[in-house]
Each structure stands twice: as structure tokens, then as C-alpha cells.
Amino acid sequence: MSRSMADRLRHQMYLVEETEEEAEIRRELNREQTANYRAAEIEEEREERREQSQSRMERLREEREEDEELLRAMNALEHAEIIPLETEEERTFREELLAARNRAGVPRTL
């Protein structure tokens, strides 16, 4: 009977060791998954910040262009020269008109 108890005890110790090894493997896998997940999160956050930065830079560039245009108009007004502010549609129309005239061979006027 003592031999069977010793065998049973060894078997239980083996199961405990095996369970501890499995738990350690699961913990290691969990650490790797957590690290991978965090790395992906960091990359997403970095991409968001990059996009926000590009958006901010674009807005700043547009504001600077508007300020420069306003400054030119104010300077022109001070010198009694009126420079019309051209909208995007007007500029597109003018460029298309000039391109059509160029294709038709109409000479430019000064």
C-alpha cells in the first residue's frame, strides 16, 4: 500500500509540474500577445498623430496663404491698386479659357 501511495503522490506531483509548465507557457504567450497588441496600438496612435499633424500643417498653410492674400490686397488698397481676389472657380475658368485660346491660336493680349 505504501508503494501505491508513493506512485499516486508522484503522479500528482507530475500533474502539478505539468500544470505549472502549461501555466508558464500560457503566461509567456499572453506576454507576447500583450506586447504585440501594444505595439499595434502605438503604431495606430503614431499614425493618428501623423495625420493630425499633416492636417494642422495644411490648415496653417491655408491660413498663411489667406493672410498673404489679405496682406497683398491691403497693400494694394494703400497704393490705390485694386487686386481682385480670384476664387478657385474663376481661376479654373480663366485657365480653361486661356488654354482654349492657345489651342485655337488666338494671340495673347498684354
Protein backbone atom coordinates (compact mmCIF):
# COMPACT_ATOMS: atom_id res chain seq x y z
CA MET A 1 0.00 0.00 0.00
CA SER A 2 2.80 2.36 0.68
CA ARG A 3 4.13 1.78 -2.84
CA SER A 4 0.77 2.63 -4.44
CA MET A 5 0.51 5.77 -2.30
CA ALA A 6 4.01 6.78 -3.35
CA ASP A 7 3.10 6.18 -7.01
CA ARG A 8 -0.10 8.20 -6.62
CA LEU A 9 1.83 11.02 -4.94
CA ARG A 10 4.45 11.02 -7.73
CA HIS A 11 1.68 11.10 -10.32
CA GLN A 12 0.01 14.06 -8.59
CA MET A 13 3.37 15.89 -8.39
CA TYR A 14 3.88 15.20 -12.10
CA LEU A 15 0.44 16.67 -12.86
CA VAL A 16 1.22 19.76 -10.75
CA GLU A 17 4.55 20.26 -12.56
CA GLU A 18 2.87 19.78 -15.93
CA THR A 19 0.15 22.28 -14.98
CA GLU A 20 2.77 24.80 -13.83
CA GLU A 21 4.65 24.40 -17.13
CA GLU A 22 1.43 24.89 -19.09
CA ALA A 23 0.61 27.94 -16.99
CA GLU A 24 4.08 29.38 -17.65
CA ILE A 25 3.65 28.76 -21.40
CA ARG A 26 0.26 30.50 -21.31
CA ARG A 27 1.75 33.43 -19.37
CA GLU A 28 4.56 33.74 -21.92
CA LEU A 29 2.08 33.65 -24.81
CA ASN A 30 -0.04 36.23 -23.04
CA ARG A 31 3.01 38.50 -22.57
CA GLU A 32 3.84 38.18 -26.27
CA GLN A 33 0.25 38.90 -27.30
CA THR A 34 0.12 41.89 -24.98
CA ALA A 35 3.39 43.22 -26.39
CA ASN A 36 2.16 42.74 -29.96
CA TYR A 37 -1.17 44.38 -29.17
CA ARG A 38 0.55 47.35 -27.51
CA ALA A 39 2.94 47.70 -30.46
CA ALA A 40 -0.04 47.81 -32.83
CA GLU A 41 -1.74 50.38 -30.59
CA ILE A 42 1.39 52.51 -30.53
CA GLU A 43 1.64 52.36 -34.33
CA GLU A 44 -2.02 53.37 -34.69
CA GLU A 45 -1.53 56.27 -32.27
CA ARG A 46 1.59 57.34 -34.16
CA GLU A 47 -0.34 57.26 -37.46
CA GLU A 48 -3.18 59.30 -35.92
CA ARG A 49 -0.71 61.90 -34.63
CA ARG A 50 0.97 62.00 -38.06
CA GLU A 51 -2.39 62.56 -39.77
CA GLN A 52 -3.36 65.23 -37.24
CA SER A 53 -0.02 66.93 -37.75
CA GLN A 54 -0.44 66.89 -41.53
CA SER A 55 -3.94 68.27 -41.16
CA ARG A 56 -2.70 71.02 -38.85
CA MET A 57 0.12 71.87 -41.25
CA GLU A 58 -2.32 72.02 -44.17
CA ARG A 59 -4.64 74.30 -42.19
CA LEU A 60 -1.71 76.53 -41.23
CA ARG A 61 -0.56 76.69 -44.85
CA GLU A 62 -4.06 77.66 -46.00
CA GLU A 63 -4.32 80.29 -43.26
CA ARG A 64 -0.90 81.66 -44.21
CA GLU A 65 -1.94 81.86 -47.88
CA GLU A 66 -5.16 83.66 -46.90
CA ASP A 67 -3.19 86.05 -44.70
CA GLU A 68 -0.72 86.74 -47.52
CA GLU A 69 -3.58 87.33 -49.95
CA LEU A 70 -5.26 89.68 -47.50
CA LEU A 71 -1.97 91.49 -46.91
CA ARG A 72 -1.46 91.92 -50.67
CA ALA A 73 -4.98 93.29 -51.00
CA MET A 74 -4.42 95.70 -48.10
CA ASN A 75 -1.10 96.84 -49.59
CA ALA A 76 -2.75 97.31 -52.97
CA LEU A 77 -5.54 99.33 -51.37
CA GLU A 78 -2.98 101.54 -49.65
CA HIS A 79 -1.37 102.18 -53.03
CA ALA A 80 -4.73 102.61 -54.77
CA GLU A 81 -4.19 99.48 -56.80
CA ILE A 82 -7.08 97.09 -56.60
CA ILE A 83 -6.15 93.46 -56.98
CA PRO A 84 -9.25 91.35 -57.34
CA LEU A 85 -9.32 88.24 -55.18
CA GLU A 86 -9.88 85.37 -57.56
CA THR A 87 -11.96 82.41 -56.47
CA GLU A 88 -10.97 78.86 -57.34
CA GLU A 89 -13.80 78.66 -59.89
CA GLU A 90 -12.77 81.94 -61.53
CA ARG A 91 -9.15 80.82 -61.72
CA THR A 92 -10.15 77.47 -63.23
CA PHE A 93 -12.41 79.19 -65.76
CA ARG A 94 -9.65 81.68 -66.70
CA GLU A 95 -7.10 78.89 -67.13
CA GLU A 96 -9.51 76.85 -69.27
CA LEU A 97 -10.30 79.92 -71.37
CA LEU A 98 -6.60 80.65 -71.90
CA ALA A 99 -5.94 77.01 -72.81
CA ALA A 100 -8.81 77.07 -75.33
CA ARG A 101 -7.49 80.31 -76.85
CA ASN A 102 -3.99 78.86 -77.07
CA ARG A 103 -5.32 75.77 -78.84
CA ALA A 104 -7.29 77.98 -81.23
CA GLY A 105 -4.19 80.05 -81.96
CA VAL A 106 -5.60 83.31 -80.63
CA PRO A 107 -2.68 85.58 -79.73
CA ARG A 108 -2.42 86.84 -76.18
CA THR A 109 -3.03 90.48 -75.40
CA LEU A 110 -0.98 92.48 -72.95
